[in-house]
Amino acid sequence: MATIESVILEVDDLTAAKRFYTEAFDLDSRLDLRASEAPTTGFRAFTLSLTVSQPANVNSLVNAALDAGATSLKPVTKSLWGYGGVVQAPDGAIWKVATSKKKDTGPASREFDEMVLLIGAADVAESKRFYVDHGLAVGKSFGRKYVEFDTGSSPVKLALYGHRALAKDAGVPAEGAGSHRIVIGSEIGPFTDPDGFVWETPSR
């Protein structure tokens, strides 16, 4: 089964980004950082999500990110689907922290259950076909709106969402240009998908 080993964020200030992610999230080998000066403006057409087991963990992770220098895009709040909030890291990457649970079952921690990369596709159906052709299996699919791939025990999960819908969910305008500033590490690479996201084979 195809897996995603890690995502690589391309950042202006490598030292500052390493400090932020050390203080905000403990992502171990799931996240790598790489220096880049590639031009980028506005929404980069992706978000990264941390799914956690209880509201207290949402608060713990979001507060750690804000203390480390992140900007709040959507304050933590209850909703029909659960509890969560959205922050933007100093490097520009957008992170959503959420749980479907509405009550705490234990002490607060910064542990999370899953890390998910959501790509804002221009055409979800076209991108879905592309990824299926490259060996990814579909786990869930809701027409042209949302696709979640079955990547088994992969450290990073992958899903597709419409570009404007993802921007709205993140709390930012949909407009953006230039580099996505992210590279996806997987044994099924190297290639570039229909939305310009680059995949490469991990060196480690």
Protein backbone atom coordinates (compact mmCIF):
# COMPACT_ATOMS: atom_id res chain seq x y z
CA MET A 1 0.00 0.00 0.00
CA ALA A 2 1.29 3.44 -0.95
CA THR A 3 2.30 5.61 1.99
CA ILE A 4 3.44 9.16 2.69
CA GLU A 5 6.55 9.13 4.83
CA SER A 6 6.76 12.85 5.53
CA VAL A 7 6.05 16.34 4.31
CA ILE A 8 8.77 18.92 3.76
CA LEU A 9 7.91 22.56 4.39
CA GLU A 10 10.03 25.09 2.51
CA VAL A 11 10.69 28.11 4.72
CA ASP A 12 12.46 31.47 4.57
CA ASP A 13 14.14 31.15 7.97
CA LEU A 14 15.19 27.58 8.72
CA THR A 15 16.42 28.27 12.26
CA ALA A 16 13.23 30.09 13.25
CA ALA A 17 11.03 27.38 11.72
CA LYS A 18 12.87 24.61 13.56
CA ARG A 19 12.41 26.51 16.81
CA PHE A 20 8.70 27.05 16.18
CA TYR A 21 7.92 23.42 15.38
CA THR A 22 9.95 22.17 18.32
CA GLU A 23 7.99 24.42 20.68
CA ALA A 24 4.56 24.04 19.05
CA PHE A 25 4.15 20.46 17.81
CA ASP A 26 6.11 17.27 18.38
CA LEU A 27 5.92 15.88 14.85
CA ASP A 28 9.03 13.62 14.99
CA SER A 29 9.87 12.29 11.51
CA ARG A 30 6.60 13.35 9.90
CA LEU A 31 7.83 16.88 9.19
CA ASP A 32 11.05 18.06 7.59
CA LEU A 33 12.10 21.63 6.86
CA ARG A 34 14.04 23.02 3.94
CA ALA A 35 15.27 26.56 3.25
CA SER A 36 13.67 28.22 0.24
CA GLU A 37 13.31 31.66 -1.29
CA ALA A 38 10.69 30.62 -3.85
CA PRO A 39 8.11 33.42 -4.26
CA THR A 40 4.72 32.72 -2.67
CA THR A 41 1.72 34.88 -1.80
CA GLY A 42 -1.69 34.24 -0.26
CA PHE A 43 -3.25 30.80 0.18
CA ARG A 44 -0.86 27.99 -0.73
CA ALA A 45 -3.69 25.52 -1.51
CA PHE A 46 -3.03 23.15 1.37
CA THR A 47 -3.54 22.80 5.10
CA LEU A 48 -2.10 20.39 7.63
CA SER A 49 -4.38 18.95 10.29
CA LEU A 50 -3.69 17.28 13.61
CA THR A 51 -6.55 15.07 14.77
CA VAL A 52 -6.61 14.58 18.53
CA SER A 53 -8.62 12.54 21.02
CA GLN A 54 -10.20 15.25 23.18
CA PRO A 55 -10.84 19.01 23.45
CA ALA A 56 -8.15 19.50 26.10
CA ASN A 57 -5.52 18.35 23.62
CA VAL A 58 -6.80 20.83 21.04
CA ASN A 59 -6.33 23.62 23.58
CA SER A 60 -2.88 22.36 24.56
CA LEU A 61 -1.57 22.22 20.98
CA VAL A 62 -3.17 25.47 19.81
CA ASN A 63 -1.92 27.34 22.87
CA ALA A 64 1.59 25.95 22.38
CA ALA A 65 1.53 27.10 18.75
CA LEU A 66 0.32 30.58 19.66
CA ASP A 67 2.94 30.87 22.40
CA ALA A 68 5.60 29.88 19.86
CA GLY A 69 4.55 32.65 17.47
CA ALA A 70 1.63 31.32 15.40
CA THR A 71 -1.29 33.55 14.38
CA SER A 72 -4.89 32.54 15.11
CA LEU A 73 -7.01 32.22 11.96
CA LYS A 74 -10.01 30.57 13.62
CA PRO A 75 -10.19 30.59 17.42
CA VAL A 76 -10.83 27.26 19.12
CA THR A 77 -14.56 26.68 19.34
CA LYS A 78 -17.28 24.04 19.57
CA SER A 79 -19.20 23.12 16.43
CA LEU A 80 -21.68 20.52 15.24
CA TRP A 81 -18.83 18.18 14.27
CA GLY A 82 -16.68 18.63 17.38
CA TYR A 83 -14.07 21.07 18.64
CA GLY A 84 -11.12 22.74 16.95
CA GLY A 85 -9.22 25.79 15.78
CA VAL A 86 -6.89 26.96 13.00
CA VAL A 87 -3.52 28.70 13.28
CA GLN A 88 -0.91 29.92 10.81
CA ALA A 89 2.73 29.19 11.57
CA PRO A 90 5.31 31.97 11.15
CA ASP A 91 6.52 30.25 7.96
CA GLY A 92 3.01 30.59 6.47
CA ALA A 93 1.80 26.99 6.74
CA ILE A 94 -1.78 26.64 7.99
CA TRP A 95 -2.52 24.11 10.73
CA LYS A 96 -5.89 22.89 11.95
CA VAL A 97 -6.16 21.08 15.29
CA ALA A 98 -9.44 19.29 15.90
CA THR A 99 -11.32 16.46 17.56
CA SER A 100 -14.73 14.92 16.96
CA LYS A 101 -15.10 14.41 20.72
CA LYS A 102 -16.91 17.02 22.79
CA LYS A 103 -15.82 15.91 26.26
CA ASP A 104 -12.42 15.27 27.83
CA THR A 105 -11.58 11.76 28.98
CA GLY A 106 -8.18 12.41 30.56
CA PRO A 107 -5.47 14.96 31.34
CA ALA A 108 -4.52 17.44 28.63
CA SER A 109 -1.51 16.54 26.47
CA ARG A 110 0.09 17.51 23.17
CA GLU A 111 -0.44 14.02 21.73
CA PHE A 112 -2.30 13.63 18.45
CA ASP A 113 -3.74 10.64 16.62
CA GLU A 114 -3.25 11.60 12.98
CA MET A 115 -1.52 14.15 10.80
CA VAL A 116 -3.43 14.88 7.59
CA LEU A 117 -2.34 16.81 4.51
CA LEU A 118 -5.35 18.36 2.76
CA ILE A 119 -4.77 19.56 -0.77
CA GLY A 120 -7.09 22.22 -2.18
CA ALA A 121 -7.63 20.82 -5.66
CA ALA A 122 -8.85 22.88 -8.60
CA ASP A 123 -10.73 19.78 -9.80
CA VAL A 124 -11.14 17.13 -7.10
CA ALA A 125 -12.27 14.43 -9.56
CA GLU A 126 -9.27 14.99 -11.84
CA SER A 127 -6.81 14.94 -8.95
CA LYS A 128 -8.48 11.82 -7.56
CA ARG A 129 -7.99 10.01 -10.89
CA PHE A 130 -4.36 11.12 -11.00
CA TYR A 131 -3.59 9.75 -7.54
CA VAL A 132 -5.44 6.48 -8.15
CA ASP A 133 -3.38 6.04 -11.33
CA HIS A 134 -0.26 6.53 -9.17
CA GLY A 135 -1.18 3.75 -6.77
CA LEU A 136 -3.21 5.40 -4.01
CA ALA A 137 -6.41 3.68 -2.89
CA VAL A 138 -9.54 5.68 -2.15
CA GLY A 139 -10.81 5.35 1.41
CA LYS A 140 -13.74 7.79 1.30
CA SER A 141 -15.14 9.84 -1.55
CA PHE A 142 -17.93 12.40 -1.68
CA GLY A 143 -18.32 13.18 -5.37
CA ARG A 144 -16.34 16.18 -6.52
CA LYS A 145 -16.17 17.69 -3.03
CA TYR A 146 -13.87 15.52 -0.90
CA VAL A 147 -11.64 12.47 -1.24
CA GLU A 148 -9.72 10.69 1.52
CA PHE A 149 -7.10 8.14 0.52
CA ASP A 150 -6.42 4.88 2.35
CA THR A 151 -2.72 5.07 3.17
CA GLY A 152 -2.80 2.38 5.87
CA SER A 153 -0.33 3.03 8.69
CA SER A 154 1.27 5.95 6.83
CA PRO A 155 2.69 8.65 9.15
CA VAL A 156 0.84 11.28 7.08
CA LYS A 157 -2.66 10.87 5.64
CA LEU A 158 -3.78 12.53 2.39
CA ALA A 159 -7.11 14.06 1.42
CA LEU A 160 -8.40 16.28 -1.38
CA TYR A 161 -10.85 19.14 -0.91
CA GLY A 162 -12.03 21.83 -3.29
CA HIS A 163 -9.66 24.80 -3.36
CA ARG A 164 -12.17 27.44 -2.28
CA ALA A 165 -13.82 25.15 0.27
CA LEU A 166 -10.45 24.45 1.89
CA ALA A 167 -9.58 28.14 2.04
CA LYS A 168 -12.94 28.86 3.67
CA ASP A 169 -12.39 26.07 6.19
CA ALA A 170 -8.98 27.58 7.00
CA GLY A 171 -10.41 31.07 7.39
CA VAL A 172 -8.37 32.72 4.62
CA PRO A 173 -9.08 34.18 1.14
CA ALA A 174 -8.76 31.60 -1.65
CA GLU A 175 -6.44 33.72 -3.78
CA GLY A 176 -2.75 32.82 -3.89
CA ALA A 177 0.17 32.55 -6.29
CA GLY A 178 3.68 31.16 -6.54
CA SER A 179 5.19 28.18 -4.79
CA HIS A 180 3.12 25.88 -2.55
CA ARG A 181 6.23 25.72 -0.34
CA ILE A 182 5.65 22.03 0.43
CA VAL A 183 7.12 18.77 -0.90
CA ILE A 184 5.58 15.35 -0.22
CA GLY A 185 7.92 12.46 0.54
CA SER A 186 6.75 9.04 -0.68
CA GLU A 187 8.08 5.95 -2.39
CA ILE A 188 5.55 6.51 -5.19
CA GLY A 189 7.35 9.72 -6.27
CA PRO A 190 8.85 11.58 -7.98
CA PHE A 191 6.12 13.44 -9.86
CA THR A 192 4.09 16.65 -9.84
CA ASP A 193 0.32 16.43 -9.45
CA PRO A 194 -2.32 18.38 -11.46
CA ASP A 195 -2.30 21.19 -8.88
CA GLY A 196 1.48 21.61 -8.95
CA PHE A 197 2.30 19.73 -5.72
CA VAL A 198 5.70 18.06 -5.91
CA TRP A 199 6.31 14.53 -4.68
CA GLU A 200 9.80 13.13 -4.23
CA THR A 201 11.32 9.86 -3.07
CA PRO A 202 12.67 10.19 0.50
CA SER A 203 16.44 10.02 0.77
CA ARG A 204 16.29 8.33 4.18
